[in-house]
Amino acid sequence: MTTQRDLRIVFMGTPDFAVASLKALIDHNYKVVGVITAPDRPAGRGQKLRASAVKEFALAHDLNILQPTNLKATSFIETLKALDANLQIIVAFRMLPKVVWQMPEYGTFNLHASLLPQYRGAAPIHWAIINGETKTGVTTFFIDEKIDTGAIIKSEETSIGKTTTVGELHDDLMRIGSALVIETVAQIKADAVTTTIQPQSKDLKTAYKLNRDNCKIDWSQTLDTIYNKIRGLNPFPTAWCYLDNDEDQPLSVKIYAVEKIEATHQLELGTVIASKDALKVSCQGGYINILEIQLPGKRKMPVKSLLNGFRFSSSAKML
C-alpha cells in the first residue's frame, strides 16, 4: 500500500482564473494553511479599494489570508515559514523570489495556461488566439529561477474554435486547469510525480504582456490577422483603434464582437461602410463586420443601437 503524504498547502493567486483551482482544492478536502494574494487595489470611478477574486473566495471560506507588498520582506518570509507548508501552488500570481519557491519540502508548482514551452509569459491565452492557434492547453510545472521554464509535471490539451474569444477560452482553460491542479496534487500526495524537462526549441512563441500599443488594430493587415486579434482581446483588455469621422479629433474606439467577410474590393484599407443596421471596415481580403463597439465615455453597445443615433461621415475611416 502506497504511503500518502500529509499535505499542508499554501496557495498563491489573484484573479478569477485562480479561484477555480483554489475551490477545487477545498472541494477535495486538501488542507490549505494559507492563501497569498495581491493587496487590495483602487478600482472603479470612486477608486474604492477592491479585494482580489481570490481574497473574496478565501474570506468566504474562512481561510488564512496574506497580502504582502514585498515578497522578499523579512516579516513576510517569517510569516510564511510559520505556516509550515510543505507544498505551494501558484495560479496567476507574480514572479516569486527563490527564498519563497524553495521553501516547501515538496516544492512549488505553477499552473500555466499554455502547452509549455510554447507561450511562456504574461498573456498566453490571448496570444494563442491572436496568433491563430487551433489548439492550446494548460501545464503544471515546478518553478525554477526563470519564467515558466521549470520541469513539466502534467499538461492537458484543448482545441480553439474558429470563432472562440479570449473570454470563452479563459473559462475553458480555467475549468481544465483546476482539474489538472487536483491531478498534480494527487501525484505529489502519493509521491508519484514524474517530470519532463522542457524541450529546447528555436521556434518558441512568447506570450508578451499586453499594453495599449500591442492591442491597437492595424487596418493594413489581412482579414484573418485582424479578426484573430479582435477575438483574442474580446472582452478583455479589448482591441482598439481610432475613428476619423471628420471631426476635430479622431475618436478612440474599442471593438468587441466581430464577424469576418471574405471579399474582393478596391477600397482604401480602413474605410468605414455604415448602413442602417451594419458597420463594416475594409481590410486586406475583405471586411470586418463590427457587432459590438464602445465609443469614448459610452458603454459597450450593439452596433445596431449605435447606428440609431450616431452618424458616420461618407469619408469615415478607422486608423
C-alpha atoms as a PDB file:
ATOM      1  CA  MET A   1       0.000   0.000   0.000  1.00  0.00           C
ATOM      2  CA  THR A   2       1.382   3.400  -1.017  1.00  0.00           C
ATOM      3  CA  THR A   3       2.019   5.844   1.806  1.00  0.00           C
ATOM      4  CA  GLN A   4       0.108   9.083   1.323  1.00  0.00           C
ATOM      5  CA  ARG A   5       1.852  12.289   2.282  1.00  0.00           C
ATOM      6  CA  ASP A   6       0.130  14.663   4.677  1.00  0.00           C
ATOM      7  CA  LEU A   7      -0.018  17.889   2.659  1.00  0.00           C
ATOM      8  CA  ARG A   8      -0.087  21.407   4.069  1.00  0.00           C
ATOM      9  CA  ILE A   9      -0.685  23.754   1.144  1.00  0.00           C
ATOM     10  CA  VAL A  10      -0.080  27.455   0.604  1.00  0.00           C
ATOM     11  CA  PHE A  11      -1.990  28.750  -2.415  1.00  0.00           C
ATOM     12  CA  MET A  12      -0.963  31.899  -4.292  1.00  0.00           C
ATOM     13  CA  GLY A  13      -3.166  33.614  -6.864  1.00  0.00           C
ATOM     14  CA  THR A  14      -5.158  36.744  -7.574  1.00  0.00           C
ATOM     15  CA  PRO A  15      -7.792  36.769 -10.392  1.00  0.00           C
ATOM     16  CA  ASP A  16     -10.900  34.702 -11.169  1.00  0.00           C
ATOM     17  CA  PHE A  17      -8.761  32.227 -13.111  1.00  0.00           C
ATOM     18  CA  ALA A  18      -7.082  31.220  -9.846  1.00  0.00           C
ATOM     19  CA  VAL A  19     -10.306  30.893  -7.850  1.00  0.00           C
ATOM     20  CA  ALA A  20     -11.374  27.723  -9.682  1.00  0.00           C
ATOM     21  CA  SER A  21      -8.181  25.922  -8.617  1.00  0.00           C
ATOM     22  CA  LEU A  22      -8.471  27.103  -5.002  1.00  0.00           C
ATOM     23  CA  LYS A  23     -12.124  25.996  -4.922  1.00  0.00           C
ATOM     24  CA  ALA A  24     -11.150  22.587  -6.306  1.00  0.00           C
ATOM     25  CA  LEU A  25      -8.566  22.151  -3.527  1.00  0.00           C
ATOM     26  CA  ILE A  26     -11.182  22.999  -0.880  1.00  0.00           C
ATOM     27  CA  ASP A  27     -13.786  20.751  -2.534  1.00  0.00           C
ATOM     28  CA  HIS A  28     -11.296  17.855  -2.452  1.00  0.00           C
ATOM     29  CA  ASN A  29     -10.642  18.474   1.254  1.00  0.00           C
ATOM     30  CA  TYR A  30      -6.996  19.432   0.924  1.00  0.00           C
ATOM     31  CA  LYS A  31      -5.569  21.388   3.846  1.00  0.00           C
ATOM     32  CA  VAL A  32      -4.911  24.958   2.677  1.00  0.00           C
ATOM     33  CA  VAL A  33      -2.999  26.628   5.515  1.00  0.00           C
ATOM     34  CA  GLY A  34      -2.556  29.973   3.781  1.00  0.00           C
ATOM     35  CA  VAL A  35      -3.696  31.995   0.791  1.00  0.00           C
ATOM     36  CA  ILE A  36      -1.350  34.629  -0.638  1.00  0.00           C
ATOM     37  CA  THR A  37      -2.929  37.240  -2.900  1.00  0.00           C
ATOM     38  CA  ALA A  38      -2.386  40.791  -4.130  1.00  0.00           C
ATOM     39  CA  PRO A  39      -3.100  43.777  -1.865  1.00  0.00           C
ATOM     40  CA  ASP A  40      -6.495  45.450  -2.278  1.00  0.00           C
ATOM     41  CA  ARG A  41      -6.379  47.967  -5.133  1.00  0.00           C
ATOM     42  CA  PRO A  42      -8.382  51.100  -6.004  1.00  0.00           C
ATOM     43  CA  ALA A  43     -10.968  50.373  -8.691  1.00  0.00           C
ATOM     44  CA  GLY A  44     -13.912  51.997 -10.417  1.00  0.00           C
ATOM     45  CA  ARG A  45     -14.888  55.646 -10.601  1.00  0.00           C
ATOM     46  CA  GLY A  46     -14.762  56.107  -6.849  1.00  0.00           C
ATOM     47  CA  GLN A  47     -11.355  54.418  -6.640  1.00  0.00           C
ATOM     48  CA  LYS A  48     -12.525  52.429  -3.632  1.00  0.00           C
ATOM     49  CA  LEU A  49     -10.243  49.620  -2.504  1.00  0.00           C
ATOM     50  CA  ARG A  50     -11.292  46.309  -4.019  1.00  0.00           C
ATOM     51  CA  ALA A  51     -10.228  42.844  -2.905  1.00  0.00           C
ATOM     52  CA  SER A  52      -8.981  40.312  -5.429  1.00  0.00           C
ATOM     53  CA  ALA A  53     -11.265  37.484  -6.527  1.00  0.00           C
ATOM     54  CA  VAL A  54      -9.053  35.034  -4.631  1.00  0.00           C
ATOM     55  CA  LYS A  55      -9.296  37.093  -1.433  1.00  0.00           C
ATOM     56  CA  GLU A  56     -13.084  37.245  -1.689  1.00  0.00           C
ATOM     57  CA  PHE A  57     -13.262  33.457  -2.055  1.00  0.00           C
ATOM     58  CA  ALA A  58     -10.787  32.927   0.789  1.00  0.00           C
ATOM     59  CA  LEU A  59     -12.774  35.224   3.091  1.00  0.00           C
ATOM     60  CA  ALA A  60     -15.978  33.338   2.308  1.00  0.00           C
ATOM     61  CA  HIS A  61     -14.260  30.064   3.272  1.00  0.00           C
ATOM     62  CA  ASP A  62     -12.520  31.405   6.373  1.00  0.00           C
ATOM     63  CA  LEU A  63      -9.022  30.786   5.010  1.00  0.00           C
ATOM     64  CA  ASN A  64      -5.863  32.410   6.350  1.00  0.00           C
ATOM     65  CA  ILE A  65      -5.006  35.339   4.008  1.00  0.00           C
ATOM     66  CA  LEU A  66      -1.711  37.160   3.465  1.00  0.00           C
ATOM     67  CA  GLN A  67      -1.380  40.200   1.157  1.00  0.00           C
ATOM     68  CA  PRO A  68       2.313  41.112   1.038  1.00  0.00           C
ATOM     69  CA  THR A  69       3.506  44.113  -0.936  1.00  0.00           C
ATOM     70  CA  ASN A  70       7.077  42.816  -0.891  1.00  0.00           C
ATOM     71  CA  LEU A  71       7.655  39.078  -1.295  1.00  0.00           C
ATOM     72  CA  LYS A  72      11.237  39.448  -0.073  1.00  0.00           C
ATOM     73  CA  ALA A  73      10.352  41.293   3.138  1.00  0.00           C
ATOM     74  CA  THR A  74      11.680  39.575   6.266  1.00  0.00           C
ATOM     75  CA  SER A  75       8.313  39.875   8.005  1.00  0.00           C
ATOM     76  CA  PHE A  76       6.536  38.076   5.138  1.00  0.00           C
ATOM     77  CA  ILE A  77       9.174  35.335   4.877  1.00  0.00           C
ATOM     78  CA  GLU A  78       8.944  34.650   8.602  1.00  0.00           C
ATOM     79  CA  THR A  79       5.122  34.548   8.484  1.00  0.00           C
ATOM     80  CA  LEU A  80       5.231  32.188   5.502  1.00  0.00           C
ATOM     81  CA  LYS A  81       7.694  29.860   7.255  1.00  0.00           C
ATOM     82  CA  ALA A  82       5.471  29.809  10.335  1.00  0.00           C
ATOM     83  CA  LEU A  83       2.639  28.314   8.247  1.00  0.00           C
ATOM     84  CA  ASP A  84       4.805  25.189   7.960  1.00  0.00           C
ATOM     85  CA  ALA A  85       3.520  24.374   4.467  1.00  0.00           C
ATOM     86  CA  ASN A  86       5.163  21.537   2.538  1.00  0.00           C
ATOM     87  CA  LEU A  87       3.646  22.405  -0.872  1.00  0.00           C
ATOM     88  CA  GLN A  88       2.970  25.709  -2.612  1.00  0.00           C
ATOM     89  CA  ILE A  89       0.641  26.098  -5.586  1.00  0.00           C
ATOM     90  CA  ILE A  90       0.763  29.151  -7.825  1.00  0.00           C
ATOM     91  CA  VAL A  91      -2.027  30.137 -10.236  1.00  0.00           C
ATOM     92  CA  ALA A  92      -1.960  33.566 -11.929  1.00  0.00           C
ATOM     93  CA  PHE A  93       0.285  35.283  -9.426  1.00  0.00           C
ATOM     94  CA  ARG A  94       3.580  37.165  -9.752  1.00  0.00           C
ATOM     95  CA  MET A  95       7.163  36.014 -10.032  1.00  0.00           C
ATOM     96  CA  LEU A  96       8.440  34.570  -6.756  1.00  0.00           C
ATOM     97  CA  PRO A  97      11.863  35.094  -5.193  1.00  0.00           C
ATOM     98  CA  LYS A  98      13.958  31.952  -4.731  1.00  0.00           C
ATOM     99  CA  VAL A  99      13.644  32.137  -0.942  1.00  0.00           C
ATOM    100  CA  VAL A 100       9.873  31.672  -1.352  1.00  0.00           C
ATOM    101  CA  TRP A 101       9.634  28.980  -4.023  1.00  0.00           C
ATOM    102  CA  GLN A 102      12.402  26.869  -2.488  1.00  0.00           C
ATOM    103  CA  MET A 103      10.783  26.875   0.938  1.00  0.00           C
ATOM    104  CA  PRO A 104       8.381  23.875   0.945  1.00  0.00           C
ATOM    105  CA  GLU A 105       9.635  20.285   1.186  1.00  0.00           C
ATOM    106  CA  TYR A 106       7.593  19.037  -1.782  1.00  0.00           C
ATOM    107  CA  GLY A 107       8.263  22.064  -3.966  1.00  0.00           C
ATOM    108  CA  THR A 108       6.276  24.877  -5.557  1.00  0.00           C
ATOM    109  CA  PHE A 109       4.332  24.240  -8.736  1.00  0.00           C
ATOM    110  CA  ASN A 110       2.613  26.616 -11.096  1.00  0.00           C
ATOM    111  CA  LEU A 111      -0.402  26.228 -13.369  1.00  0.00           C
ATOM    112  CA  HIS A 112       0.282  27.950 -16.704  1.00  0.00           C
ATOM    113  CA  ALA A 113      -2.385  28.468 -19.376  1.00  0.00           C
ATOM    114  CA  SER A 114      -0.453  27.123 -22.366  1.00  0.00           C
ATOM    115  CA  LEU A 115       1.228  23.964 -23.586  1.00  0.00           C
ATOM    116  CA  LEU A 116       4.734  24.737 -22.394  1.00  0.00           C
ATOM    117  CA  PRO A 117       7.320  25.502 -23.638  1.00  0.00           C
ATOM    118  CA  GLN A 118       5.105  27.493 -26.031  1.00  0.00           C
ATOM    119  CA  TYR A 119       3.683  30.822 -24.836  1.00  0.00           C
ATOM    120  CA  ARG A 120       5.740  31.430 -21.743  1.00  0.00           C
ATOM    121  CA  GLY A 121       4.865  34.816 -20.305  1.00  0.00           C
ATOM    122  CA  ALA A 122       2.085  37.021 -19.027  1.00  0.00           C
ATOM    123  CA  ALA A 123      -0.754  36.573 -21.541  1.00  0.00           C
ATOM    124  CA  PRO A 124      -0.728  33.037 -23.006  1.00  0.00           C
ATOM    125  CA  ILE A 125      -4.496  32.750 -23.511  1.00  0.00           C
ATOM    126  CA  HIS A 126      -4.670  35.969 -25.536  1.00  0.00           C
ATOM    127  CA  TRP A 127      -1.659  35.284 -27.751  1.00  0.00           C
ATOM    128  CA  ALA A 128      -2.775  31.774 -28.666  1.00  0.00           C
ATOM    129  CA  ILE A 129      -5.895  33.259 -30.282  1.00  0.00           C
ATOM    130  CA  ILE A 130      -4.178  36.376 -31.648  1.00  0.00           C
ATOM    131  CA  ASN A 131      -1.675  34.114 -33.429  1.00  0.00           C
ATOM    132  CA  GLY A 132      -4.433  31.942 -34.885  1.00  0.00           C
ATOM    133  CA  GLU A 133      -3.617  28.736 -32.999  1.00  0.00           C
ATOM    134  CA  THR A 134      -6.075  25.855 -33.266  1.00  0.00           C
ATOM    135  CA  LYS A 135      -5.048  24.221 -30.007  1.00  0.00           C
ATOM    136  CA  THR A 136      -3.639  25.197 -26.621  1.00  0.00           C
ATOM    137  CA  GLY A 137      -3.880  23.840 -23.100  1.00  0.00           C
ATOM    138  CA  VAL A 138      -2.653  24.040 -19.519  1.00  0.00           C
ATOM    139  CA  THR A 139       0.552  22.840 -17.888  1.00  0.00           C
ATOM    140  CA  THR A 140       1.678  22.280 -14.318  1.00  0.00           C
ATOM    141  CA  PHE A 141       5.401  22.597 -13.656  1.00  0.00           C
ATOM    142  CA  PHE A 142       7.816  23.040 -10.770  1.00  0.00           C
ATOM    143  CA  ILE A 143       9.060  26.626 -10.511  1.00  0.00           C
ATOM    144  CA  ASP A 144      12.734  27.391 -11.091  1.00  0.00           C
ATOM    145  CA  GLU A 145      14.755  30.580 -11.399  1.00  0.00           C
ATOM    146  CA  LYS A 146      13.441  31.631 -14.822  1.00  0.00           C
ATOM    147  CA  ILE A 147       9.923  32.431 -16.005  1.00  0.00           C
ATOM    148  CA  ASP A 148       7.808  29.377 -16.960  1.00  0.00           C
ATOM    149  CA  THR A 149      10.844  27.182 -17.679  1.00  0.00           C
ATOM    150  CA  GLY A 150      10.661  24.557 -14.902  1.00  0.00           C
ATOM    151  CA  ALA A 151      10.206  20.807 -15.230  1.00  0.00           C
ATOM    152  CA  ILE A 152       6.746  19.843 -16.527  1.00  0.00           C
ATOM    153  CA  ILE A 153       4.567  17.662 -14.297  1.00  0.00           C
ATOM    154  CA  LYS A 154       1.366  17.335 -16.352  1.00  0.00           C
ATOM    155  CA  SER A 155      -0.385  19.001 -19.287  1.00  0.00           C
ATOM    156  CA  GLU A 156      -3.827  18.903 -20.864  1.00  0.00           C
ATOM    157  CA  GLU A 157      -4.694  19.989 -24.403  1.00  0.00           C
ATOM    158  CA  THR A 158      -7.851  21.620 -25.756  1.00  0.00           C
ATOM    159  CA  SER A 159      -8.917  22.943 -29.141  1.00  0.00           C
ATOM    160  CA  ILE A 160      -9.548  26.567 -30.088  1.00  0.00           C
ATOM    161  CA  GLY A 161     -12.569  27.112 -32.329  1.00  0.00           C
ATOM    162  CA  LYS A 162     -12.506  29.432 -35.331  1.00  0.00           C
ATOM    163  CA  THR A 163     -14.735  31.945 -33.543  1.00  0.00           C
ATOM    164  CA  THR A 164     -13.555  31.385 -29.954  1.00  0.00           C
ATOM    165  CA  THR A 165     -12.919  34.592 -27.995  1.00  0.00           C
ATOM    166  CA  VAL A 166     -10.372  35.014 -25.226  1.00  0.00           C
ATOM    167  CA  GLY A 167     -13.215  35.191 -22.701  1.00  0.00           C
ATOM    168  CA  GLU A 168     -14.505  31.783 -23.787  1.00  0.00           C
ATOM    169  CA  LEU A 169     -11.047  30.202 -23.884  1.00  0.00           C
ATOM    170  CA  HIS A 170     -10.201  31.689 -20.470  1.00  0.00           C
ATOM    171  CA  ASP A 171     -13.211  29.932 -18.923  1.00  0.00           C
ATOM    172  CA  ASP A 172     -12.410  26.656 -20.709  1.00  0.00           C
ATOM    173  CA  LEU A 173      -8.786  26.678 -19.517  1.00  0.00           C
ATOM    174  CA  MET A 174      -9.834  27.731 -16.017  1.00  0.00           C
ATOM    175  CA  ARG A 175     -12.013  24.597 -15.780  1.00  0.00           C
ATOM    176  CA  ILE A 176      -9.408  22.269 -17.321  1.00  0.00           C
ATOM    177  CA  GLY A 177      -6.658  23.862 -15.253  1.00  0.00           C
ATOM    178  CA  SER A 178      -8.393  23.370 -11.920  1.00  0.00           C
ATOM    179  CA  ALA A 179      -8.799  19.664 -12.715  1.00  0.00           C
ATOM    180  CA  LEU A 180      -5.114  19.440 -13.658  1.00  0.00           C
ATOM    181  CA  VAL A 181      -4.117  21.063 -10.355  1.00  0.00           C
ATOM    182  CA  ILE A 182      -6.026  18.352  -8.478  1.00  0.00           C
ATOM    183  CA  GLU A 183      -4.397  15.582 -10.565  1.00  0.00           C
ATOM    184  CA  THR A 184      -0.971  17.118  -9.890  1.00  0.00           C
ATOM    185  CA  VAL A 185      -1.591  17.408  -6.145  1.00  0.00           C
ATOM    186  CA  ALA A 186      -2.770  13.787  -6.051  1.00  0.00           C
ATOM    187  CA  GLN A 187       0.516  12.663  -7.626  1.00  0.00           C
ATOM    188  CA  ILE A 188       2.541  14.727  -5.135  1.00  0.00           C
ATOM    189  CA  LYS A 189       0.487  13.345  -2.235  1.00  0.00           C
ATOM    190  CA  ALA A 190       1.216   9.811  -3.420  1.00  0.00           C
ATOM    191  CA  ASP A 191       4.912  10.610  -4.056  1.00  0.00           C
ATOM    192  CA  ALA A 192       4.334   9.511  -7.646  1.00  0.00           C
ATOM    193  CA  VAL A 193       5.452  12.548  -9.634  1.00  0.00           C
ATOM    194  CA  THR A 194       7.452  12.141 -12.805  1.00  0.00           C
ATOM    195  CA  THR A 195       8.644  15.300 -14.547  1.00  0.00           C
ATOM    196  CA  THR A 196       9.802  16.179 -18.045  1.00  0.00           C
ATOM    197  CA  ILE A 197      12.433  18.815 -18.719  1.00  0.00           C
ATOM    198  CA  GLN A 198      11.070  21.427 -21.127  1.00  0.00           C
ATOM    199  CA  PRO A 199      12.471  20.844 -24.623  1.00  0.00           C
ATOM    200  CA  GLN A 200      14.841  23.407 -26.092  1.00  0.00           C
ATOM    201  CA  SER A 201      13.435  24.921 -29.277  1.00  0.00           C
ATOM    202  CA  LYS A 202      14.228  27.847 -31.530  1.00  0.00           C
ATOM    203  CA  ASP A 203      10.589  28.118 -32.588  1.00  0.00           C
ATOM    204  CA  LEU A 204       9.111  29.287 -29.296  1.00  0.00           C
ATOM    205  CA  LYS A 205       6.279  31.807 -29.292  1.00  0.00           C
ATOM    206  CA  THR A 206       6.160  34.280 -26.411  1.00  0.00           C
ATOM    207  CA  ALA A 207       3.099  35.490 -24.507  1.00  0.00           C
ATOM    208  CA  TYR A 208       4.157  39.116 -24.172  1.00  0.00           C
ATOM    209  CA  LYS A 209       2.491  41.361 -21.637  1.00  0.00           C
ATOM    210  CA  LEU A 210      -0.395  43.239 -23.231  1.00  0.00           C
ATOM    211  CA  ASN A 211      -0.310  47.024 -23.452  1.00  0.00           C
ATOM    212  CA  ARG A 212      -2.077  49.791 -25.336  1.00  0.00           C
ATOM    213  CA  ASP A 213       0.311  49.586 -28.275  1.00  0.00           C
ATOM    214  CA  ASN A 214       0.012  45.860 -28.976  1.00  0.00           C
ATOM    215  CA  CYS A 215      -3.773  45.950 -28.542  1.00  0.00           C
ATOM    216  CA  LYS A 216      -4.200  48.524 -31.328  1.00  0.00           C
ATOM    217  CA  ILE A 217      -5.695  47.296 -34.598  1.00  0.00           C
ATOM    218  CA  ASP A 218      -3.609  47.799 -37.738  1.00  0.00           C
ATOM    219  CA  TRP A 219      -6.130  48.027 -40.572  1.00  0.00           C
ATOM    220  CA  SER A 220      -3.448  47.434 -43.211  1.00  0.00           C
ATOM    221  CA  GLN A 221      -3.136  43.813 -42.083  1.00  0.00           C
ATOM    222  CA  THR A 222      -5.001  40.816 -43.512  1.00  0.00           C
ATOM    223  CA  LEU A 223      -8.600  39.938 -42.686  1.00  0.00           C
ATOM    224  CA  ASP A 224      -7.618  36.859 -40.647  1.00  0.00           C
ATOM    225  CA  THR A 225      -4.895  38.711 -38.719  1.00  0.00           C
ATOM    226  CA  ILE A 226      -7.270  41.498 -37.680  1.00  0.00           C
ATOM    227  CA  TYR A 227     -10.113  39.096 -36.902  1.00  0.00           C
ATOM    228  CA  ASN A 228      -7.890  36.926 -34.699  1.00  0.00           C
ATOM    229  CA  LYS A 229      -6.553  39.965 -32.866  1.00  0.00           C
ATOM    230  CA  ILE A 230     -10.008  41.321 -32.054  1.00  0.00           C
ATOM    231  CA  ARG A 231     -11.376  37.979 -30.795  1.00  0.00           C
ATOM    232  CA  GLY A 232      -8.107  37.374 -28.927  1.00  0.00           C
ATOM    233  CA  LEU A 233      -8.733  40.577 -26.955  1.00  0.00           C
ATOM    234  CA  ASN A 234     -12.524  40.245 -26.514  1.00  0.00           C
ATOM    235  CA  PRO A 235     -13.769  41.015 -23.901  1.00  0.00           C
ATOM    236  CA  PHE A 236     -10.545  41.969 -22.109  1.00  0.00           C
ATOM    237  CA  PRO A 237      -8.485  44.086 -22.433  1.00  0.00           C
ATOM    238  CA  THR A 238     -10.180  44.803 -25.830  1.00  0.00           C
ATOM    239  CA  ALA A 239      -8.806  45.736 -29.244  1.00  0.00           C
ATOM    240  CA  TRP A 240      -8.993  49.425 -30.152  1.00  0.00           C
ATOM    241  CA  CYS A 241      -8.291  51.918 -32.914  1.00  0.00           C
ATOM    242  CA  TYR A 242      -9.014  55.499 -33.897  1.00  0.00           C
ATOM    243  CA  LEU A 243     -12.128  56.534 -35.791  1.00  0.00           C
ATOM    244  CA  ASP A 244     -11.654  59.533 -38.084  1.00  0.00           C
ATOM    245  CA  ASN A 245     -15.192  60.810 -38.601  1.00  0.00           C
ATOM    246  CA  ASP A 246     -14.409  64.296 -39.993  1.00  0.00           C
ATOM    247  CA  GLU A 247     -14.322  65.798 -36.500  1.00  0.00           C
ATOM    248  CA  ASP A 248     -11.626  67.875 -34.809  1.00  0.00           C
ATOM    249  CA  GLN A 249     -10.018  64.847 -33.177  1.00  0.00           C
ATOM    250  CA  PRO A 250     -10.182  61.132 -34.058  1.00  0.00           C
ATOM    251  CA  LEU A 251     -12.151  59.094 -31.534  1.00  0.00           C
ATOM    252  CA  SER A 252     -10.531  56.203 -29.673  1.00  0.00           C
ATOM    253  CA  VAL A 253     -12.977  53.292 -30.027  1.00  0.00           C
ATOM    254  CA  LYS A 254     -12.976  49.775 -28.592  1.00  0.00           C
ATOM    255  CA  ILE A 255     -14.130  46.911 -30.772  1.00  0.00           C
ATOM    256  CA  TYR A 256     -15.571  43.729 -29.256  1.00  0.00           C
ATOM    257  CA  ALA A 257     -17.616  41.170 -31.189  1.00  0.00           C
ATOM    258  CA  VAL A 258     -16.987  40.986 -34.934  1.00  0.00           C
ATOM    259  CA  GLU A 259     -17.539  38.783 -37.951  1.00  0.00           C
ATOM    260  CA  LYS A 260     -15.253  38.444 -40.944  1.00  0.00           C
ATOM    261  CA  ILE A 261     -16.459  38.726 -44.509  1.00  0.00           C
ATOM    262  CA  GLU A 262     -14.160  37.478 -47.267  1.00  0.00           C
ATOM    263  CA  ALA A 263     -14.485  39.665 -50.358  1.00  0.00           C
ATOM    264  CA  THR A 264     -12.562  41.413 -53.105  1.00  0.00           C
ATOM    265  CA  HIS A 265     -12.698  45.213 -53.083  1.00  0.00           C
ATOM    266  CA  GLN A 266     -10.764  48.262 -54.219  1.00  0.00           C
ATOM    267  CA  LEU A 267     -11.443  50.398 -51.163  1.00  0.00           C
ATOM    268  CA  GLU A 268      -8.735  52.131 -49.179  1.00  0.00           C
ATOM    269  CA  LEU A 269      -7.896  49.994 -46.140  1.00  0.00           C
ATOM    270  CA  GLY A 270      -9.785  51.092 -43.029  1.00  0.00           C
ATOM    271  CA  THR A 271     -12.715  52.574 -44.947  1.00  0.00           C
ATOM    272  CA  VAL A 272     -15.918  52.560 -42.897  1.00  0.00           C
ATOM    273  CA  ILE A 273     -19.119  51.408 -44.598  1.00  0.00           C
ATOM    274  CA  ALA A 274     -22.146  52.222 -42.481  1.00  0.00           C
ATOM    275  CA  SER A 275     -25.675  51.229 -43.421  1.00  0.00           C
ATOM    276  CA  LYS A 276     -28.917  51.323 -41.481  1.00  0.00           C
ATOM    277  CA  ASP A 277     -28.082  48.211 -39.455  1.00  0.00           C
ATOM    278  CA  ALA A 278     -24.456  47.242 -40.210  1.00  0.00           C
ATOM    279  CA  LEU A 279     -20.952  48.652 -39.828  1.00  0.00           C
ATOM    280  CA  LYS A 280     -18.106  47.217 -41.909  1.00  0.00           C
ATOM    281  CA  VAL A 281     -14.437  48.159 -42.203  1.00  0.00           C
ATOM    282  CA  SER A 282     -12.323  47.285 -45.230  1.00  0.00           C
ATOM    283  CA  CYS A 283      -9.050  45.402 -44.921  1.00  0.00           C
ATOM    284  CA  GLN A 284      -6.885  43.074 -47.000  1.00  0.00           C
ATOM    285  CA  GLY A 285      -9.098  40.239 -48.218  1.00  0.00           C
ATOM    286  CA  GLY A 286     -12.471  41.560 -47.157  1.00  0.00           C
ATOM    287  CA  TYR A 287     -14.299  43.320 -44.350  1.00  0.00           C
ATOM    288  CA  ILE A 288     -14.554  43.209 -40.582  1.00  0.00           C
ATOM    289  CA  ASN A 289     -18.253  43.398 -39.698  1.00  0.00           C
ATOM    290  CA  ILE A 290     -18.445  45.065 -36.261  1.00  0.00           C
ATOM    291  CA  LEU A 291     -21.196  43.770 -33.974  1.00  0.00           C
ATOM    292  CA  GLU A 292     -20.253  45.455 -30.669  1.00  0.00           C
ATOM    293  CA  ILE A 293     -18.396  48.714 -30.169  1.00  0.00           C
ATOM    294  CA  GLN A 294     -17.635  51.261 -27.456  1.00  0.00           C
ATOM    295  CA  LEU A 295     -17.164  54.986 -28.052  1.00  0.00           C
ATOM    296  CA  PRO A 296     -15.321  57.267 -25.609  1.00  0.00           C
ATOM    297  CA  GLY A 297     -17.354  57.914 -22.470  1.00  0.00           C
ATOM    298  CA  LYS A 298     -20.057  55.447 -23.553  1.00  0.00           C
ATOM    299  CA  ARG A 299     -20.951  51.886 -22.655  1.00  0.00           C
ATOM    300  CA  LYS A 300     -20.268  48.939 -24.910  1.00  0.00           C
ATOM    301  CA  MET A 301     -23.253  48.571 -27.224  1.00  0.00           C
ATOM    302  CA  PRO A 302     -24.519  46.604 -30.202  1.00  0.00           C
ATOM    303  CA  VAL A 303     -23.692  48.364 -33.473  1.00  0.00           C
ATOM    304  CA  LYS A 304     -27.383  48.394 -34.374  1.00  0.00           C
ATOM    305  CA  SER A 305     -28.060  50.535 -31.284  1.00  0.00           C
ATOM    306  CA  LEU A 306     -25.199  52.883 -32.151  1.00  0.00           C
ATOM    307  CA  LEU A 307     -26.458  53.346 -35.699  1.00  0.00           C
ATOM    308  CA  ASN A 308     -29.818  54.565 -34.380  1.00  0.00           C
ATOM    309  CA  GLY A 309     -28.236  57.806 -33.169  1.00  0.00           C
ATOM    310  CA  PHE A 310     -24.634  58.084 -34.396  1.00  0.00           C
ATOM    311  CA  ARG A 311     -23.850  59.346 -37.884  1.00  0.00           C
ATOM    312  CA  PHE A 312     -20.774  58.209 -39.805  1.00  0.00           C
ATOM    313  CA  SER A 313     -19.498  60.596 -42.459  1.00  0.00           C
ATOM    314  CA  SER A 314     -19.153  59.376 -46.046  1.00  0.00           C
ATOM    315  CA  SER A 315     -15.349  59.560 -45.655  1.00  0.00           C
ATOM    316  CA  ALA A 316     -15.113  57.907 -42.212  1.00  0.00           C
ATOM    317  CA  LYS A 317     -12.042  55.745 -41.633  1.00  0.00           C
ATOM    318  CA  MET A 318     -10.615  53.541 -38.957  1.00  0.00           C
ATOM    319  CA  LEU A 319      -6.996  54.449 -38.283  1.00  0.00           C
END
